[in-house]
């Protein structure tokens, strides 16, 4: 599952809530907020993260470097979709959506 939010601050809030919700369930999550290098994130994501939280810009960056492929995404959740599609993130969002397989929920 990929959760996309327009701003890093929102991602940090969402991450806290999701962490509390999945505590003791075995579900792994990672917030990619641009504080780690792509190489570090590649190592983390290859360990099999089940939930990835990121901005559209970061999703595009990790996809561009092959760290995340659209085929691995099964579910996508958008926080503040009106902001994602009506601001500077519109181009990145369209790239992400265009890359997704048809069976993504």
N, C-alpha and C. Protein backbone atom coordinates (compact mmCIF):
# COMPACT_ATOMS: atom_id res chain seq x y z
N UNK A 1 0.85 -1.17 0.00
CA UNK A 1 0.00 0.00 0.00
C UNK A 1 0.89 1.23 0.00
N UNK A 2 0.51 2.20 -0.80
CA UNK A 2 1.21 3.47 -0.84
C UNK A 2 0.23 4.56 -0.40
N UNK A 3 0.65 5.35 0.57
CA UNK A 3 -0.14 6.49 1.03
C UNK A 3 0.59 7.75 0.58
N UNK A 4 -0.12 8.59 -0.15
CA UNK A 4 0.49 9.81 -0.68
C UNK A 4 -0.21 11.02 -0.06
N UNK A 5 0.60 11.94 0.45
CA UNK A 5 0.10 13.19 1.00
C UNK A 5 0.90 14.34 0.40
N UNK A 6 0.31 15.52 0.31
CA UNK A 6 0.98 16.63 -0.37
C UNK A 6 2.17 17.23 0.37
N UNK A 7 2.21 17.05 1.68
CA UNK A 7 3.28 17.71 2.44
C UNK A 7 3.89 16.76 3.48
N UNK A 8 5.16 16.98 3.74
CA UNK A 8 5.90 16.17 4.70
C UNK A 8 5.26 16.19 6.09
N UNK A 9 4.79 17.37 6.50
CA UNK A 9 4.18 17.49 7.83
C UNK A 9 2.95 16.59 7.95
N UNK A 10 2.14 16.55 6.92
CA UNK A 10 0.97 15.67 6.92
C UNK A 10 1.39 14.21 7.00
N UNK A 11 2.42 13.86 6.26
CA UNK A 11 2.92 12.48 6.28
C UNK A 11 3.36 12.07 7.68
N UNK A 12 4.02 12.97 8.37
CA UNK A 12 4.48 12.66 9.72
C UNK A 12 3.29 12.42 10.65
N UNK A 13 2.22 13.22 10.52
CA UNK A 13 1.02 13.00 11.32
C UNK A 13 0.35 11.68 10.97
N UNK A 14 0.22 11.41 9.68
CA UNK A 14 -0.39 10.17 9.22
C UNK A 14 0.41 8.97 9.71
N UNK A 15 1.72 9.08 9.64
CA UNK A 15 2.60 7.99 10.06
C UNK A 15 2.38 7.65 11.54
N UNK A 16 2.26 8.67 12.37
CA UNK A 16 2.00 8.42 13.80
C UNK A 16 0.71 7.65 13.99
N UNK A 17 -0.34 8.07 13.30
CA UNK A 17 -1.63 7.40 13.42
C UNK A 17 -1.60 5.97 12.90
N UNK A 18 -0.97 5.77 11.76
CA UNK A 18 -0.89 4.43 11.19
C UNK A 18 -0.04 3.52 12.07
N UNK A 19 1.07 4.05 12.57
CA UNK A 19 1.92 3.24 13.47
C UNK A 19 1.12 2.74 14.67
N UNK A 20 0.33 3.63 15.26
CA UNK A 20 -0.50 3.23 16.40
C UNK A 20 -1.52 2.17 15.99
N UNK A 21 -2.08 2.31 14.81
CA UNK A 21 -3.11 1.37 14.34
C UNK A 21 -2.55 -0.01 14.04
N UNK A 22 -1.33 -0.07 13.54
CA UNK A 22 -0.76 -1.38 13.14
C UNK A 22 0.19 -1.97 14.18
N UNK A 23 0.32 -1.30 15.30
CA UNK A 23 1.21 -1.81 16.35
C UNK A 23 0.81 -3.25 16.72
N UNK A 24 1.79 -4.09 16.82
CA UNK A 24 1.62 -5.51 17.18
C UNK A 24 0.85 -6.33 16.15
N UNK A 25 0.79 -5.86 14.91
CA UNK A 25 0.10 -6.63 13.86
C UNK A 25 1.08 -7.29 12.91
N UNK A 26 2.33 -6.89 12.96
CA UNK A 26 3.31 -7.42 12.03
C UNK A 26 3.37 -6.66 10.71
N UNK A 27 2.53 -5.65 10.56
CA UNK A 27 2.54 -4.84 9.34
C UNK A 27 3.70 -3.85 9.43
N UNK A 28 4.51 -3.81 8.38
CA UNK A 28 5.66 -2.91 8.38
C UNK A 28 5.34 -1.67 7.56
N UNK A 29 5.82 -0.53 8.06
CA UNK A 29 5.59 0.71 7.33
C UNK A 29 6.82 1.58 7.37
N UNK A 30 6.89 2.45 6.36
CA UNK A 30 8.03 3.36 6.25
C UNK A 30 7.56 4.68 5.67
N UNK A 31 7.97 5.76 6.29
CA UNK A 31 7.67 7.10 5.78
C UNK A 31 8.88 7.62 5.03
N UNK A 32 8.74 7.77 3.75
CA UNK A 32 9.82 8.28 2.90
C UNK A 32 9.62 9.77 2.75
N UNK A 33 10.30 10.52 3.60
CA UNK A 33 10.09 11.97 3.60
C UNK A 33 11.34 12.73 3.16
N UNK A 34 12.19 12.05 2.43
CA UNK A 34 13.34 12.72 1.84
C UNK A 34 14.51 12.94 2.77
N UNK A 35 14.50 12.34 3.94
CA UNK A 35 15.61 12.52 4.86
C UNK A 35 16.67 11.43 4.70
N UNK A 36 16.35 10.40 3.94
CA UNK A 36 17.30 9.33 3.66
C UNK A 36 17.68 9.37 2.19
N UNK A 37 18.85 8.85 1.90
CA UNK A 37 19.26 8.78 0.49
C UNK A 37 18.44 7.71 -0.22
N UNK A 38 18.39 7.82 -1.53
CA UNK A 38 17.69 6.82 -2.33
C UNK A 38 18.29 5.43 -2.08
N UNK A 39 19.59 5.37 -1.94
CA UNK A 39 20.26 4.08 -1.69
C UNK A 39 19.81 3.47 -0.36
N UNK A 40 19.73 4.29 0.69
CA UNK A 40 19.26 3.79 1.98
C UNK A 40 17.81 3.32 1.88
N UNK A 41 17.00 4.09 1.16
CA UNK A 41 15.60 3.71 1.02
C UNK A 41 15.45 2.44 0.20
N UNK A 42 16.32 2.24 -0.75
CA UNK A 42 16.27 1.01 -1.54
C UNK A 42 16.46 -0.19 -0.63
N UNK A 43 17.42 -0.11 0.27
CA UNK A 43 17.67 -1.19 1.22
C UNK A 43 16.44 -1.43 2.10
N UNK A 44 15.86 -0.35 2.60
CA UNK A 44 14.69 -0.45 3.49
C UNK A 44 13.50 -1.05 2.75
N UNK A 45 13.22 -0.54 1.55
CA UNK A 45 12.04 -1.00 0.81
C UNK A 45 12.19 -2.43 0.31
N UNK A 46 13.40 -2.84 0.02
CA UNK A 46 13.61 -4.22 -0.44
C UNK A 46 13.41 -5.23 0.68
N UNK A 47 13.42 -4.75 1.92
CA UNK A 47 13.14 -5.64 3.05
C UNK A 47 11.67 -6.04 3.07
N UNK A 48 10.86 -5.39 2.26
CA UNK A 48 9.46 -5.78 2.15
C UNK A 48 8.49 -4.93 2.94
N UNK A 49 8.59 -3.64 2.84
CA UNK A 49 7.64 -2.76 3.50
C UNK A 49 6.24 -3.00 2.93
N UNK A 50 5.26 -3.06 3.80
CA UNK A 50 3.89 -3.26 3.36
C UNK A 50 3.16 -1.94 3.15
N UNK A 51 3.57 -0.91 3.88
CA UNK A 51 2.94 0.40 3.75
C UNK A 51 4.05 1.43 3.57
N UNK A 52 3.97 2.19 2.49
CA UNK A 52 4.92 3.26 2.21
C UNK A 52 4.16 4.57 2.20
N UNK A 53 4.64 5.53 2.98
CA UNK A 53 4.05 6.86 3.02
C UNK A 53 5.04 7.84 2.41
N UNK A 54 4.57 8.68 1.48
CA UNK A 54 5.48 9.61 0.82
C UNK A 54 4.72 10.72 0.11
N UNK A 55 5.46 11.75 -0.25
CA UNK A 55 4.91 12.82 -1.09
C UNK A 55 4.95 12.35 -2.54
N UNK A 56 4.19 12.99 -3.42
CA UNK A 56 4.25 12.61 -4.84
C UNK A 56 5.65 12.76 -5.42
N UNK A 57 6.35 13.79 -5.00
CA UNK A 57 7.71 14.01 -5.51
C UNK A 57 8.62 12.86 -5.13
N UNK A 58 8.51 12.39 -3.89
CA UNK A 58 9.37 11.30 -3.44
C UNK A 58 9.00 9.98 -4.12
N UNK A 59 7.71 9.74 -4.31
CA UNK A 59 7.29 8.53 -5.01
C UNK A 59 7.88 8.53 -6.42
N UNK A 60 7.78 9.65 -7.11
CA UNK A 60 8.36 9.75 -8.47
C UNK A 60 9.86 9.50 -8.45
N UNK A 61 10.53 10.03 -7.43
CA UNK A 61 11.98 9.86 -7.33
C UNK A 61 12.37 8.40 -7.12
N UNK A 62 11.69 7.72 -6.19
CA UNK A 62 12.05 6.32 -5.95
C UNK A 62 11.65 5.43 -7.13
N UNK A 63 10.59 5.81 -7.84
CA UNK A 63 10.21 5.06 -9.04
C UNK A 63 11.23 5.29 -10.16
N UNK A 64 11.68 6.52 -10.30
CA UNK A 64 12.67 6.86 -11.33
C UNK A 64 13.96 6.07 -11.15
N UNK A 65 14.35 5.86 -9.90
CA UNK A 65 15.59 5.12 -9.59
C UNK A 65 15.36 3.61 -9.51
N UNK A 66 14.14 3.16 -9.76
CA UNK A 66 13.86 1.73 -9.75
C UNK A 66 13.74 1.12 -8.37
N UNK A 67 13.70 1.96 -7.34
CA UNK A 67 13.58 1.47 -5.97
C UNK A 67 12.17 0.93 -5.73
N UNK A 68 11.20 1.57 -6.35
CA UNK A 68 9.80 1.14 -6.28
C UNK A 68 9.27 1.05 -7.70
N UNK A 69 8.67 -0.06 -8.02
CA UNK A 69 8.06 -0.19 -9.34
C UNK A 69 6.55 -0.14 -9.18
N UNK A 70 5.88 0.40 -10.18
CA UNK A 70 4.43 0.53 -10.12
C UNK A 70 3.76 -0.83 -9.96
N UNK A 71 4.37 -1.87 -10.48
CA UNK A 71 3.79 -3.22 -10.40
C UNK A 71 3.70 -3.72 -8.97
N UNK A 72 4.53 -3.19 -8.09
CA UNK A 72 4.51 -3.62 -6.68
C UNK A 72 3.39 -2.96 -5.89
N UNK A 73 2.79 -1.93 -6.45
CA UNK A 73 1.74 -1.19 -5.75
C UNK A 73 0.40 -1.88 -5.98
N UNK A 74 -0.25 -2.27 -4.91
CA UNK A 74 -1.55 -2.93 -4.99
C UNK A 74 -2.69 -1.98 -4.61
N UNK A 75 -2.41 -1.12 -3.64
CA UNK A 75 -3.41 -0.18 -3.14
C UNK A 75 -2.75 1.17 -2.99
N UNK A 76 -3.48 2.21 -3.37
CA UNK A 76 -2.96 3.57 -3.21
C UNK A 76 -4.01 4.39 -2.47
N UNK A 77 -3.58 5.14 -1.48
CA UNK A 77 -4.48 6.01 -0.72
C UNK A 77 -3.96 7.44 -0.82
N UNK A 78 -4.87 8.36 -1.07
CA UNK A 78 -4.49 9.76 -1.22
C UNK A 78 -5.06 10.57 -0.07
N UNK A 79 -4.20 11.32 0.60
CA UNK A 79 -4.64 12.25 1.62
C UNK A 79 -4.68 13.63 0.98
N UNK A 80 -5.74 14.33 1.17
CA UNK A 80 -5.92 15.68 0.59
C UNK A 80 -5.80 15.64 -0.93
N UNK A 81 -6.62 14.82 -1.61
CA UNK A 81 -6.49 14.71 -3.07
C UNK A 81 -6.69 16.04 -3.79
N UNK A 82 -7.51 16.91 -3.21
CA UNK A 82 -7.71 18.22 -3.85
C UNK A 82 -6.40 19.01 -3.91
N UNK A 83 -5.58 18.88 -2.89
CA UNK A 83 -4.27 19.54 -2.90
C UNK A 83 -3.31 18.83 -3.85
N UNK A 84 -3.37 17.52 -3.87
CA UNK A 84 -2.46 16.75 -4.72
C UNK A 84 -2.66 17.06 -6.20
N UNK A 85 -3.91 17.28 -6.59
CA UNK A 85 -4.20 17.49 -8.01
C UNK A 85 -4.38 18.95 -8.40
N UNK A 86 -4.46 19.84 -7.44
CA UNK A 86 -4.70 21.26 -7.76
C UNK A 86 -3.51 22.15 -7.43
N UNK A 87 -2.39 21.57 -7.09
CA UNK A 87 -1.20 22.36 -6.76
C UNK A 87 -0.04 21.92 -7.64
N UNK A 88 1.14 22.23 -7.22
CA UNK A 88 2.34 21.86 -7.97
C UNK A 88 2.58 20.37 -8.07
N UNK A 89 1.83 19.57 -7.34
CA UNK A 89 2.01 18.11 -7.35
C UNK A 89 1.24 17.43 -8.48
N UNK A 90 0.44 18.17 -9.20
CA UNK A 90 -0.42 17.58 -10.23
C UNK A 90 0.38 16.75 -11.25
N UNK A 91 1.48 17.28 -11.74
CA UNK A 91 2.29 16.57 -12.72
C UNK A 91 2.81 15.25 -12.19
N UNK A 92 3.31 15.25 -10.97
CA UNK A 92 3.82 14.02 -10.36
C UNK A 92 2.69 13.01 -10.15
N UNK A 93 1.53 13.49 -9.70
CA UNK A 93 0.40 12.59 -9.48
C UNK A 93 -0.03 11.92 -10.78
N UNK A 94 -0.06 12.69 -11.85
CA UNK A 94 -0.45 12.11 -13.15
C UNK A 94 0.56 11.07 -13.62
N UNK A 95 1.85 11.32 -13.36
CA UNK A 95 2.89 10.34 -13.71
C UNK A 95 2.69 9.04 -12.93
N UNK A 96 2.41 9.19 -11.64
CA UNK A 96 2.21 8.01 -10.78
C UNK A 96 1.01 7.22 -11.25
N UNK A 97 -0.11 7.89 -11.45
CA UNK A 97 -1.34 7.21 -11.85
C UNK A 97 -1.18 6.55 -13.22
N UNK A 98 -0.53 7.24 -14.13
CA UNK A 98 -0.31 6.66 -15.47
C UNK A 98 0.55 5.40 -15.41
N UNK A 99 1.46 5.33 -14.44
CA UNK A 99 2.36 4.18 -14.33
C UNK A 99 1.71 2.97 -13.66
N UNK A 100 0.62 3.19 -12.93
CA UNK A 100 0.01 2.11 -12.16
C UNK A 100 -0.69 1.08 -13.05
N UNK A 101 -0.60 -0.18 -12.66
CA UNK A 101 -1.36 -1.21 -13.38
C UNK A 101 -2.86 -0.98 -13.20
N UNK A 102 -3.65 -1.55 -14.07
CA UNK A 102 -5.11 -1.35 -14.03
C UNK A 102 -5.77 -1.92 -12.78
N UNK A 103 -5.15 -2.91 -12.15
CA UNK A 103 -5.79 -3.58 -11.01
C UNK A 103 -5.51 -2.92 -9.66
N UNK A 104 -4.89 -1.76 -9.64
CA UNK A 104 -4.61 -1.08 -8.37
C UNK A 104 -5.91 -0.50 -7.83
N UNK A 105 -6.09 -0.67 -6.52
CA UNK A 105 -7.30 -0.14 -5.88
C UNK A 105 -7.04 1.22 -5.31
